[in-house]
Amino acid sequence: MTGAEIPRGARSTGTPRTDGIRHTARRLATETKSFFKTSEWWAYVVVVIAILIAGNSIEGEEGGADIFAADKVWLYVTLLTIGYMLSRGIAKSGVRDPYWAERGDSDADH
């Protein structure tokens, strides 16, 4: 996982490297929490499943047209997906979760 370096708040670890030079731990940041940890993800999954079940179980009267046809079901699922993607994009814009590179970040160069 890569992160953006945050210059403020960097602190010295006081630990010399093998070449005798002290280094500072970089304070890094990730985006917001993972998608599957958010309530909006689970609400999205539940509503998509509900739409699919409703589309499968709602039928027209004998010989009549289907009230909730497949094209409407997939339109609603598509609109819901667009809404979810926009909400995640807005949630992630400019929000950071700081962490220190010295905490076992395998991608850190220290």
PDB file of N, CA and C in Angstrom:
ATOM      1  N   MET A   1       0.865  -1.164   0.000  1.00  0.00           N
ATOM      2  CA  MET A   1       0.000   0.000   0.000  1.00  0.00           C
ATOM      3  C   MET A   1       0.906   1.219   0.000  1.00  0.00           C
ATOM      4  N   THR A   2       0.659   2.139  -0.890  1.00  0.00           N
ATOM      5  CA  THR A   2       1.452   3.348  -0.920  1.00  0.00           C
ATOM      6  C   THR A   2       0.686   4.452  -0.244  1.00  0.00           C
ATOM      7  N   GLY A   3       1.399   5.433   0.213  1.00  0.00           N
ATOM      8  CA  GLY A   3       0.752   6.546   0.880  1.00  0.00           C
ATOM      9  C   GLY A   3       1.435   7.825   0.494  1.00  0.00           C
ATOM     10  N   ALA A   4       0.766   8.921   0.738  1.00  0.00           N
ATOM     11  CA  ALA A   4       1.321  10.230   0.459  1.00  0.00           C
ATOM     12  C   ALA A   4       2.094  10.697   1.672  1.00  0.00           C
ATOM     13  N   GLU A   5       3.261  11.278   1.452  1.00  0.00           N
ATOM     14  CA  GLU A   5       4.071  11.731   2.565  1.00  0.00           C
ATOM     15  C   GLU A   5       3.503  13.028   3.111  1.00  0.00           C
ATOM     16  N   ILE A   6       3.416  13.123   4.430  1.00  0.00           N
ATOM     17  CA  ILE A   6       2.942  14.322   5.102  1.00  0.00           C
ATOM     18  C   ILE A   6       4.133  14.936   5.808  1.00  0.00           C
ATOM     19  N   PRO A   7       4.603  16.129   5.371  1.00  0.00           N
ATOM     20  CA  PRO A   7       5.820  16.682   5.947  1.00  0.00           C
ATOM     21  C   PRO A   7       5.687  17.085   7.411  1.00  0.00           C
ATOM     22  N   ARG A   8       4.549  17.641   7.811  1.00  0.00           N
ATOM     23  CA  ARG A   8       4.389  18.046   9.199  1.00  0.00           C
ATOM     24  C   ARG A   8       4.208  16.824  10.069  1.00  0.00           C
ATOM     25  N   GLY A   9       4.754  16.858  11.263  1.00  0.00           N
ATOM     26  CA  GLY A   9       4.538  15.783  12.210  1.00  0.00           C
ATOM     27  C   GLY A   9       5.551  14.660  12.112  1.00  0.00           C
ATOM     28  N   ALA A  10       6.538  14.795  11.203  1.00  0.00           N
ATOM     29  CA  ALA A  10       7.569  13.767  11.139  1.00  0.00           C
ATOM     30  C   ALA A  10       8.407  13.867  12.402  1.00  0.00           C
ATOM     31  N   ARG A  11       8.795  12.721  12.921  1.00  0.00           N
ATOM     32  CA  ARG A  11       9.565  12.736  14.156  1.00  0.00           C
ATOM     33  C   ARG A  11      10.784  11.853  13.993  1.00  0.00           C
ATOM     34  N   SER A  12      11.818  12.142  14.752  1.00  0.00           N
ATOM     35  CA  SER A  12      13.033  11.346  14.693  1.00  0.00           C
ATOM     36  C   SER A  12      12.864  10.103  15.539  1.00  0.00           C
ATOM     37  N   THR A  13      13.295   8.980  15.009  1.00  0.00           N
ATOM     38  CA  THR A  13      13.227   7.742  15.777  1.00  0.00           C
ATOM     39  C   THR A  13      14.432   7.600  16.681  1.00  0.00           C
ATOM     40  N   GLY A  14      15.504   8.338  16.365  1.00  0.00           N
ATOM     41  CA  GLY A  14      16.703   8.259  17.178  1.00  0.00           C
ATOM     42  C   GLY A  14      17.499   6.990  16.929  1.00  0.00           C
ATOM     43  N   THR A  15      17.089   6.193  15.990  1.00  0.00           N
ATOM     44  CA  THR A  15      17.773   4.943  15.696  1.00  0.00           C
ATOM     45  C   THR A  15      18.723   5.163  14.527  1.00  0.00           C
ATOM     46  N   PRO A  16      20.028   4.953  14.751  1.00  0.00           N
ATOM     47  CA  PRO A  16      20.942   5.123  13.615  1.00  0.00           C
ATOM     48  C   PRO A  16      20.811   3.964  12.643  1.00  0.00           C
ATOM     49  N   ARG A  17      20.952   4.286  11.363  1.00  0.00           N
ATOM     50  CA  ARG A  17      20.975   3.236  10.355  1.00  0.00           C
ATOM     51  C   ARG A  17      22.361   2.612  10.365  1.00  0.00           C
ATOM     52  N   THR A  18      22.565   1.630   9.531  1.00  0.00           N
ATOM     53  CA  THR A  18      23.848   0.936   9.513  1.00  0.00           C
ATOM     54  C   THR A  18      24.987   1.840   9.076  1.00  0.00           C
ATOM     55  N   ASP A  19      24.691   2.894   8.337  1.00  0.00           N
ATOM     56  CA  ASP A  19      25.752   3.807   7.907  1.00  0.00           C
ATOM     57  C   ASP A  19      26.003   4.907   8.935  1.00  0.00           C
ATOM     58  N   GLY A  20      25.351   4.847  10.102  1.00  0.00           N
ATOM     59  CA  GLY A  20      25.589   5.797  11.175  1.00  0.00           C
ATOM     60  C   GLY A  20      24.762   7.063  11.084  1.00  0.00           C
ATOM     61  N   ILE A  21      23.929   7.200  10.087  1.00  0.00           N
ATOM     62  CA  ILE A  21      23.117   8.400   9.919  1.00  0.00           C
ATOM     63  C   ILE A  21      21.767   8.166  10.578  1.00  0.00           C
ATOM     64  N   ARG A  22      21.337   9.132  11.389  1.00  0.00           N
ATOM     65  CA  ARG A  22      20.006   9.024  11.990  1.00  0.00           C
ATOM     66  C   ARG A  22      18.970   9.284  10.902  1.00  0.00           C
ATOM     67  N   HIS A  23      17.845   8.624  11.013  1.00  0.00           N
ATOM     68  CA  HIS A  23      16.785   8.841  10.042  1.00  0.00           C
ATOM     69  C   HIS A  23      15.512   9.223  10.788  1.00  0.00           C
ATOM     70  N   THR A  24      14.610   9.814  10.059  1.00  0.00           N
ATOM     71  CA  THR A  24      13.317  10.167  10.651  1.00  0.00           C
ATOM     72  C   THR A  24      12.259   9.255  10.068  1.00  0.00           C
ATOM     73  N   ALA A  25      11.310   8.905  10.891  1.00  0.00           N
ATOM     74  CA  ALA A  25      10.190   8.100  10.401  1.00  0.00           C
ATOM     75  C   ALA A  25       9.269   9.016   9.617  1.00  0.00           C
ATOM     76  N   ARG A  26       8.902   8.578   8.443  1.00  0.00           N
ATOM     77  CA  ARG A  26       8.000   9.390   7.636  1.00  0.00           C
ATOM     78  C   ARG A  26       6.578   9.126   8.078  1.00  0.00           C
ATOM     79  N   ARG A  27       5.822  10.191   8.224  1.00  0.00           N
ATOM     80  CA  ARG A  27       4.405  10.036   8.533  1.00  0.00           C
ATOM     81  C   ARG A  27       3.669   9.943   7.218  1.00  0.00           C
ATOM     82  N   LEU A  28       3.054   8.812   6.996  1.00  0.00           N
ATOM     83  CA  LEU A  28       2.359   8.544   5.746  1.00  0.00           C
ATOM     84  C   LEU A  28       0.863   8.554   5.985  1.00  0.00           C
ATOM     85  N   ALA A  29       0.108   8.491   4.910  1.00  0.00           N
ATOM     86  CA  ALA A  29      -1.347   8.478   5.039  1.00  0.00           C
ATOM     87  C   ALA A  29      -1.949   7.566   3.980  1.00  0.00           C
ATOM     88  N   THR A  30      -3.028   6.910   4.362  1.00  0.00           N
ATOM     89  CA  THR A  30      -3.790   6.106   3.415  1.00  0.00           C
ATOM     90  C   THR A  30      -5.094   6.829   3.152  1.00  0.00           C
ATOM     91  N   GLU A  31      -5.840   6.332   2.198  1.00  0.00           N
ATOM     92  CA  GLU A  31      -7.172   6.887   1.974  1.00  0.00           C
ATOM     93  C   GLU A  31      -8.066   6.455   3.129  1.00  0.00           C
ATOM     94  N   THR A  32      -9.338   6.672   3.016  1.00  0.00           N
ATOM     95  CA  THR A  32     -10.263   6.271   4.069  1.00  0.00           C
ATOM     96  C   THR A  32     -10.271   4.762   4.213  1.00  0.00           C
ATOM     97  N   LYS A  33     -11.033   4.254   5.169  1.00  0.00           N
ATOM     98  CA  LYS A  33     -11.013   2.812   5.426  1.00  0.00           C
ATOM     99  C   LYS A  33     -11.491   2.006   4.220  1.00  0.00           C
ATOM    100  N   SER A  34     -11.180   0.733   4.241  1.00  0.00           N
ATOM    101  CA  SER A  34     -11.522  -0.160   3.140  1.00  0.00           C
ATOM    102  C   SER A  34     -13.023  -0.179   2.883  1.00  0.00           C
ATOM    103  N   PHE A  35     -13.388  -0.434   1.635  1.00  0.00           N
ATOM    104  CA  PHE A  35     -14.798  -0.360   1.245  1.00  0.00           C
ATOM    105  C   PHE A  35     -15.677  -1.314   2.032  1.00  0.00           C
ATOM    106  N   PHE A  36     -15.203  -2.512   2.325  1.00  0.00           N
ATOM    107  CA  PHE A  36     -16.053  -3.499   2.988  1.00  0.00           C
ATOM    108  C   PHE A  36     -16.261  -3.204   4.469  1.00  0.00           C
ATOM    109  N   LYS A  37     -15.555  -2.203   4.995  1.00  0.00           N
ATOM    110  CA  LYS A  37     -15.738  -1.811   6.391  1.00  0.00           C
ATOM    111  C   LYS A  37     -16.748  -0.676   6.552  1.00  0.00           C
ATOM    112  N   THR A  38     -17.306  -0.189   5.454  1.00  0.00           N
ATOM    113  CA  THR A  38     -18.215   0.951   5.528  1.00  0.00           C
ATOM    114  C   THR A  38     -19.662   0.505   5.516  1.00  0.00           C
ATOM    115  N   SER A  39     -20.496   1.300   6.167  1.00  0.00           N
ATOM    116  CA  SER A  39     -21.927   0.992   6.199  1.00  0.00           C
ATOM    117  C   SER A  39     -22.567   1.215   4.831  1.00  0.00           C
ATOM    118  N   GLU A  40     -22.026   2.134   4.040  1.00  0.00           N
ATOM    119  CA  GLU A  40     -22.614   2.366   2.721  1.00  0.00           C
ATOM    120  C   GLU A  40     -22.415   1.154   1.808  1.00  0.00           C
ATOM    121  N   TRP A  41     -21.320   0.417   1.967  1.00  0.00           N
ATOM    122  CA  TRP A  41     -21.115  -0.809   1.178  1.00  0.00           C
ATOM    123  C   TRP A  41     -22.181  -1.836   1.513  1.00  0.00           C
ATOM    124  N   TRP A  42     -22.388  -2.064   2.812  1.00  0.00           N
ATOM    125  CA  TRP A  42     -23.357  -3.082   3.222  1.00  0.00           C
ATOM    126  C   TRP A  42     -24.777  -2.666   2.854  1.00  0.00           C
ATOM    127  N   ALA A  43     -25.089  -1.370   2.940  1.00  0.00           N
ATOM    128  CA  ALA A  43     -26.412  -0.899   2.507  1.00  0.00           C
ATOM    129  C   ALA A  43     -26.573  -1.123   1.007  1.00  0.00           C
ATOM    130  N   TYR A  44     -25.521  -0.862   0.239  1.00  0.00           N
ATOM    131  CA  TYR A  44     -25.544  -1.090  -1.202  1.00  0.00           C
ATOM    132  C   TYR A  44     -25.807  -2.565  -1.515  1.00  0.00           C
ATOM    133  N   VAL A  45     -25.080  -3.464  -0.864  1.00  0.00           N
ATOM    134  CA  VAL A  45     -25.237  -4.899  -1.102  1.00  0.00           C
ATOM    135  C   VAL A  45     -26.658  -5.354  -0.774  1.00  0.00           C
ATOM    136  N   VAL A  46     -27.184  -4.915   0.374  1.00  0.00           N
ATOM    137  CA  VAL A  46     -28.533  -5.317   0.796  1.00  0.00           C
ATOM    138  C   VAL A  46     -29.578  -4.828  -0.202  1.00  0.00           C
ATOM    139  N   VAL A  47     -29.470  -3.585  -0.646  1.00  0.00           N
ATOM    140  CA  VAL A  47     -30.463  -3.039  -1.574  1.00  0.00           C
ATOM    141  C   VAL A  47     -30.364  -3.715  -2.945  1.00  0.00           C
ATOM    142  N   VAL A  48     -29.161  -3.996  -3.423  1.00  0.00           N
ATOM    143  CA  VAL A  48     -29.023  -4.702  -4.706  1.00  0.00           C
ATOM    144  C   VAL A  48     -29.662  -6.085  -4.619  1.00  0.00           C
ATOM    145  N   ILE A  49     -29.407  -6.798  -3.534  1.00  0.00           N
ATOM    146  CA  ILE A  49     -30.017  -8.118  -3.357  1.00  0.00           C
ATOM    147  C   ILE A  49     -31.542  -8.004  -3.295  1.00  0.00           C
ATOM    148  N   ALA A  50     -32.036  -6.992  -2.580  1.00  0.00           N
ATOM    149  CA  ALA A  50     -33.491  -6.792  -2.486  1.00  0.00           C
ATOM    150  C   ALA A  50     -34.100  -6.492  -3.856  1.00  0.00           C
ATOM    151  N   ILE A  51     -33.426  -5.683  -4.654  1.00  0.00           N
ATOM    152  CA  ILE A  51     -33.927  -5.363  -5.995  1.00  0.00           C
ATOM    153  C   ILE A  51     -33.955  -6.617  -6.866  1.00  0.00           C
ATOM    154  N   LEU A  52     -32.905  -7.423  -6.787  1.00  0.00           N
ATOM    155  CA  LEU A  52     -32.859  -8.648  -7.584  1.00  0.00           C
ATOM    156  C   LEU A  52     -33.935  -9.641  -7.156  1.00  0.00           C
ATOM    157  N   ILE A  53     -34.154  -9.766  -5.864  1.00  0.00           N
ATOM    158  CA  ILE A  53     -35.213 -10.659  -5.375  1.00  0.00           C
ATOM    159  C   ILE A  53     -36.583 -10.149  -5.808  1.00  0.00           C
ATOM    160  N   ALA A  54     -36.797  -8.844  -5.672  1.00  0.00           N
ATOM    161  CA  ALA A  54     -38.081  -8.266  -6.075  1.00  0.00           C
ATOM    162  C   ALA A  54     -38.309  -8.446  -7.567  1.00  0.00           C
ATOM    163  N   GLY A  55     -37.272  -8.256  -8.365  1.00  0.00           N
ATOM    164  CA  GLY A  55     -37.400  -8.435  -9.804  1.00  0.00           C
ATOM    165  C   GLY A  55     -37.724  -9.865 -10.187  1.00  0.00           C
ATOM    166  N   ASN A  56     -37.242 -10.798  -9.407  1.00  0.00           N
ATOM    167  CA  ASN A  56     -37.503 -12.202  -9.687  1.00  0.00           C
ATOM    168  C   ASN A  56     -38.885 -12.645  -9.201  1.00  0.00           C
ATOM    169  N   SER A  57     -39.340 -12.057  -8.111  1.00  0.00           N
ATOM    170  CA  SER A  57     -40.585 -12.548  -7.509  1.00  0.00           C
ATOM    171  C   SER A  57     -41.846 -11.787  -7.944  1.00  0.00           C
ATOM    172  N   ILE A  58     -41.711 -10.550  -8.399  1.00  0.00           N
ATOM    173  CA  ILE A  58     -42.888  -9.784  -8.823  1.00  0.00           C
ATOM    174  C   ILE A  58     -43.199 -10.121 -10.272  1.00  0.00           C
ATOM    175  N   GLU A  59     -44.385 -10.634 -10.490  1.00  0.00           N
ATOM    176  CA  GLU A  59     -44.815 -11.003 -11.838  1.00  0.00           C
ATOM    177  C   GLU A  59     -46.165 -10.369 -12.129  1.00  0.00           C
ATOM    178  N   GLY A  60     -46.434 -10.239 -13.390  1.00  0.00           N
ATOM    179  CA  GLY A  60     -47.734  -9.726 -13.791  1.00  0.00           C
ATOM    180  C   GLY A  60     -48.809 -10.796 -13.612  1.00  0.00           C
ATOM    181  N   GLU A  61     -50.045 -10.393 -13.776  1.00  0.00           N
ATOM    182  CA  GLU A  61     -51.150 -11.354 -13.686  1.00  0.00           C
ATOM    183  C   GLU A  61     -51.043 -12.364 -14.816  1.00  0.00           C
ATOM    184  N   GLU A  62     -51.813 -13.434 -14.727  1.00  0.00           N
ATOM    185  CA  GLU A  62     -51.785 -14.477 -15.755  1.00  0.00           C
ATOM    186  C   GLU A  62     -51.937 -13.870 -17.149  1.00  0.00           C
ATOM    187  N   GLY A  63     -50.941 -14.091 -17.959  1.00  0.00           N
ATOM    188  CA  GLY A  63     -50.995 -13.612 -19.338  1.00  0.00           C
ATOM    189  C   GLY A  63     -50.674 -12.131 -19.476  1.00  0.00           C
ATOM    190  N   GLY A  64     -50.491 -11.417 -18.387  1.00  0.00           N
ATOM    191  CA  GLY A  64     -50.200  -9.987 -18.453  1.00  0.00           C
ATOM    192  C   GLY A  64     -48.703  -9.712 -18.522  1.00  0.00           C
ATOM    193  N   ALA A  65     -48.413  -8.466 -18.708  1.00  0.00           N
ATOM    194  CA  ALA A  65     -47.014  -8.049 -18.797  1.00  0.00           C
ATOM    195  C   ALA A  65     -46.369  -8.062 -17.415  1.00  0.00           C
ATOM    196  N   ASP A  66     -45.089  -8.295 -17.381  1.00  0.00           N
ATOM    197  CA  ASP A  66     -44.327  -8.290 -16.136  1.00  0.00           C
ATOM    198  C   ASP A  66     -44.215  -6.847 -15.639  1.00  0.00           C
ATOM    199  N   ILE A  67     -44.597  -6.609 -14.392  1.00  0.00           N
ATOM    200  CA  ILE A  67     -44.597  -5.263 -13.829  1.00  0.00           C
ATOM    201  C   ILE A  67     -43.174  -4.761 -13.583  1.00  0.00           C
ATOM    202  N   PHE A  68     -42.322  -5.620 -13.059  1.00  0.00           N
ATOM    203  CA  PHE A  68     -40.951  -5.247 -12.703  1.00  0.00           C
ATOM    204  C   PHE A  68     -40.010  -6.100 -13.553  1.00  0.00           C
ATOM    205  N   ALA A  69     -39.919  -5.726 -14.828  1.00  0.00           N
ATOM    206  CA  ALA A  69     -39.164  -6.506 -15.811  1.00  0.00           C
ATOM    207  C   ALA A  69     -37.656  -6.383 -15.571  1.00  0.00           C
ATOM    208  N   ALA A  70     -36.917  -7.263 -16.218  1.00  0.00           N
ATOM    209  CA  ALA A  70     -35.468  -7.322 -16.049  1.00  0.00           C
ATOM    210  C   ALA A  70     -34.788  -6.011 -16.426  1.00  0.00           C
ATOM    211  N   ASP A  71     -35.293  -5.332 -17.455  1.00  0.00           N
ATOM    212  CA  ASP A  71     -34.656  -4.071 -17.843  1.00  0.00           C
ATOM    213  C   ASP A  71     -34.762  -3.018 -16.748  1.00  0.00           C
ATOM    214  N   LYS A  72     -35.888  -2.969 -16.039  1.00  0.00           N
ATOM    215  CA  LYS A  72     -36.035  -2.040 -14.911  1.00  0.00           C
ATOM    216  C   LYS A  72     -35.133  -2.442 -13.750  1.00  0.00           C
ATOM    217  N   VAL A  73     -35.055  -3.743 -13.485  1.00  0.00           N
ATOM    218  CA  VAL A  73     -34.204  -4.225 -12.393  1.00  0.00           C
ATOM    219  C   VAL A  73     -32.764  -3.803 -12.626  1.00  0.00           C
ATOM    220  N   TRP A  74     -32.247  -4.058 -13.820  1.00  0.00           N
ATOM    221  CA  TRP A  74     -30.853  -3.730 -14.094  1.00  0.00           C
ATOM    222  C   TRP A  74     -30.627  -2.222 -14.190  1.00  0.00           C
ATOM    223  N   LEU A  75     -31.629  -1.472 -14.599  1.00  0.00           N
ATOM    224  CA  LEU A  75     -31.518  -0.013 -14.579  1.00  0.00           C
ATOM    225  C   LEU A  75     -31.353   0.478 -13.136  1.00  0.00           C
ATOM    226  N   TYR A  76     -32.165  -0.041 -12.234  1.00  0.00           N
ATOM    227  CA  TYR A  76     -32.080   0.363 -10.827  1.00  0.00           C
ATOM    228  C   TYR A  76     -30.762  -0.065 -10.202  1.00  0.00           C
ATOM    229  N   VAL A  77     -30.291  -1.255 -10.531  1.00  0.00           N
ATOM    230  CA  VAL A  77     -28.994  -1.710 -10.008  1.00  0.00           C
ATOM    231  C   VAL A  77     -27.874  -0.824 -10.550  1.00  0.00           C
ATOM    232  N   THR A  78     -27.945  -0.446 -11.821  1.00  0.00           N
ATOM    233  CA  THR A  78     -26.939   0.440 -12.412  1.00  0.00           C
ATOM    234  C   THR A  78     -26.948   1.809 -11.753  1.00  0.00           C
ATOM    235  N   LEU A  79     -28.135   2.380 -11.557  1.00  0.00           N
ATOM    236  CA  LEU A  79     -28.233   3.686 -10.892  1.00  0.00           C
ATOM    237  C   LEU A  79     -27.709   3.611  -9.456  1.00  0.00           C
ATOM    238  N   LEU A  80     -28.007   2.544  -8.771  1.00  0.00           N
ATOM    239  CA  LEU A  80     -27.519   2.349  -7.408  1.00  0.00           C
ATOM    240  C   LEU A  80     -25.993   2.237  -7.389  1.00  0.00           C
ATOM    241  N   THR A  81     -25.424   1.543  -8.368  1.00  0.00           N
ATOM    242  CA  THR A  81     -23.975   1.409  -8.467  1.00  0.00           C
ATOM    243  C   THR A  81     -23.313   2.754  -8.734  1.00  0.00           C
ATOM    244  N   ILE A  82     -23.886   3.544  -9.613  1.00  0.00           N
ATOM    245  CA  ILE A  82     -23.357   4.886  -9.890  1.00  0.00           C
ATOM    246  C   ILE A  82     -23.394   5.726  -8.618  1.00  0.00           C
ATOM    247  N   GLY A  83     -24.500   5.674  -7.895  1.00  0.00           N
ATOM    248  CA  GLY A  83     -24.601   6.416  -6.638  1.00  0.00           C
ATOM    249  C   GLY A  83     -23.572   5.969  -5.620  1.00  0.00           C
ATOM    250  N   TYR A  84     -23.350   4.670  -5.517  1.00  0.00           N
ATOM    251  CA  TYR A  84     -22.358   4.144  -4.575  1.00  0.00           C
ATOM    252  C   TYR A  84     -20.962   4.612  -4.959  1.00  0.00           C
ATOM    253  N   MET A  85     -20.635   4.541  -6.247  1.00  0.00           N
ATOM    254  CA  MET A  85     -19.309   4.958  -6.694  1.00  0.00           C
ATOM    255  C   MET A  85     -19.074   6.441  -6.451  1.00  0.00           C
ATOM    256  N   LEU A  86     -20.083   7.258  -6.681  1.00  0.00           N
ATOM    257  CA  LEU A  86     -19.954   8.690  -6.406  1.00  0.00           C
ATOM    258  C   LEU A  86     -19.786   8.956  -4.920  1.00  0.00           C
ATOM    259  N   SER A  87     -20.541   8.250  -4.088  1.00  0.00           N
ATOM    260  CA  SER A  87     -20.439   8.480  -2.648  1.00  0.00           C
ATOM    261  C   SER A  87     -19.074   8.068  -2.127  1.00  0.00           C
ATOM    262  N   ARG A  88     -18.492   6.988  -2.645  1.00  0.00           N
ATOM    263  CA  ARG A  88     -17.152   6.578  -2.221  1.00  0.00           C
ATOM    264  C   ARG A  88     -16.112   7.579  -2.695  1.00  0.00           C
ATOM    265  N   GLY A  89     -16.288   8.106  -3.887  1.00  0.00           N
ATOM    266  CA  GLY A  89     -15.359   9.109  -4.391  1.00  0.00           C
ATOM    267  C   GLY A  89     -15.379  10.368  -3.553  1.00  0.00           C
ATOM    268  N   ILE A  90     -16.565  10.802  -3.163  1.00  0.00           N
ATOM    269  CA  ILE A  90     -16.691  11.986  -2.314  1.00  0.00           C
ATOM    270  C   ILE A  90     -16.117  11.702  -0.928  1.00  0.00           C
ATOM    271  N   ALA A  91     -16.363  10.517  -0.407  1.00  0.00           N
ATOM    272  CA  ALA A  91     -15.857  10.160   0.924  1.00  0.00           C
ATOM    273  C   ALA A  91     -14.339  10.102   0.948  1.00  0.00           C
ATOM    274  N   LYS A  92     -13.722   9.713  -0.156  1.00  0.00           N
ATOM    275  CA  LYS A  92     -12.273   9.569  -0.192  1.00  0.00           C
ATOM    276  C   LYS A  92     -11.554  10.863  -0.547  1.00  0.00           C
ATOM    277  N   SER A  93     -12.238  11.840  -1.044  1.00  0.00           N
ATOM    278  CA  SER A  93     -11.566  13.047  -1.513  1.00  0.00           C
ATOM    279  C   SER A  93     -11.004  13.858  -0.356  1.00  0.00           C
ATOM    280  N   GLY A  94      -9.692  13.913  -0.297  1.00  0.00           N
ATOM    281  CA  GLY A  94      -9.007  14.747   0.677  1.00  0.00           C
ATOM    282  C   GLY A  94      -8.983  14.217   2.099  1.00  0.00           C
ATOM    283  N   VAL A  95      -9.467  13.026   2.352  1.00  0.00           N
ATOM    284  CA  VAL A  95      -9.465  12.479   3.707  1.00  0.00           C
ATOM    285  C   VAL A  95      -8.316  11.500   3.827  1.00  0.00           C
ATOM    286  N   ARG A  96      -7.528  11.640   4.883  1.00  0.00           N
ATOM    287  CA  ARG A  96      -6.369  10.781   5.070  1.00  0.00           C
ATOM    288  C   ARG A  96      -6.407  10.119   6.435  1.00  0.00           C
ATOM    289  N   ASP A  97      -5.835   8.930   6.511  1.00  0.00           N
ATOM    290  CA  ASP A  97      -5.693   8.191   7.753  1.00  0.00           C
ATOM    291  C   ASP A  97      -4.194   8.062   8.011  1.00  0.00           C
ATOM    292  N   PRO A  98      -3.603   8.885   8.902  1.00  0.00           N
ATOM    293  CA  PRO A  98      -2.146   8.895   9.052  1.00  0.00           C
ATOM    294  C   PRO A  98      -1.610   7.642   9.747  1.00  0.00           C
ATOM    295  N   TYR A  99      -0.390   7.280   9.398  1.00  0.00           N
ATOM    296  CA  TYR A  99       0.333   6.216  10.079  1.00  0.00           C
ATOM    297  C   TYR A  99       1.818   6.497   9.926  1.00  0.00           C
ATOM    298  N   TRP A 100       2.626   5.876  10.765  1.00  0.00           N
ATOM    299  CA  TRP A 100       4.074   6.069  10.717  1.00  0.00           C
ATOM    300  C   TRP A 100       4.699   4.942   9.930  1.00  0.00           C
ATOM    301  N   ALA A 101       5.683   5.266   9.106  1.00  0.00           N
ATOM    302  CA  ALA A 101       6.339   4.282   8.252  1.00  0.00           C
ATOM    303  C   ALA A 101       7.078   3.218   9.058  1.00  0.00           C
ATOM    304  N   GLU A 102       7.493   3.511  10.255  1.00  0.00           N
ATOM    305  CA  GLU A 102       8.284   2.568  11.047  1.00  0.00           C
ATOM    306  C   GLU A 102       7.462   1.433  11.637  1.00  0.00           C
ATOM    307  N   ARG A 103       6.169   1.433  11.485  1.00  0.00           N
ATOM    308  CA  ARG A 103       5.313   0.411  12.078  1.00  0.00           C
ATOM    309  C   ARG A 103       5.182  -0.829  11.205  1.00  0.00           C
ATOM    310  N   GLY A 104       6.228  -1.216  10.546  1.00  0.00           N
ATOM    311  CA  GLY A 104       6.188  -2.448   9.777  1.00  0.00           C
ATOM    312  C   GLY A 104       5.665  -2.286   8.364  1.00  0.00           C
ATOM    313  N   ASP A 105       5.701  -1.065   7.839  1.00  0.00           N
ATOM    314  CA  ASP A 105       5.275  -0.863   6.457  1.00  0.00           C
ATOM    315  C   ASP A 105       6.336  -1.433   5.544  1.00  0.00           C
ATOM    316  N   SER A 106       6.019  -2.503   4.838  1.00  0.00           N
ATOM    317  CA  SER A 106       7.017  -3.174   4.006  1.00  0.00           C
ATOM    318  C   SER A 106       7.438  -2.329   2.811  1.00  0.00           C
ATOM    319  N   ASP A 107       6.645  -1.351   2.421  1.00  0.00           N
ATOM    320  CA  ASP A 107       6.994  -0.501   1.284  1.00  0.00           C
ATOM    321  C   ASP A 107       7.786   0.737   1.689  1.00  0.00           C
ATOM    322  N   ALA A 108       7.956   0.948   2.982  1.00  0.00           N
ATOM    323  CA  ALA A 108       8.683   2.122   3.440  1.00  0.00           C
ATOM    324  C   ALA A 108      10.160   1.948   3.141  1.00  0.00           C
ATOM    325  N   ASP A 109      10.810   3.032   2.779  1.00  0.00           N
ATOM    326  CA  ASP A 109      12.241   2.961   2.454  1.00  0.00           C
ATOM    327  C   ASP A 109      13.061   3.505   3.612  1.00  0.00           C
ATOM    328  N   HIS A 110      13.143   2.753   4.661  1.00  0.00           N
ATOM    329  CA  HIS A 110      13.964   3.172   5.814  1.00  0.00           C
ATOM    330  C   HIS A 110      14.880   2.091   6.278  1.00  0.00           C
TER     331      HIS A 110
END
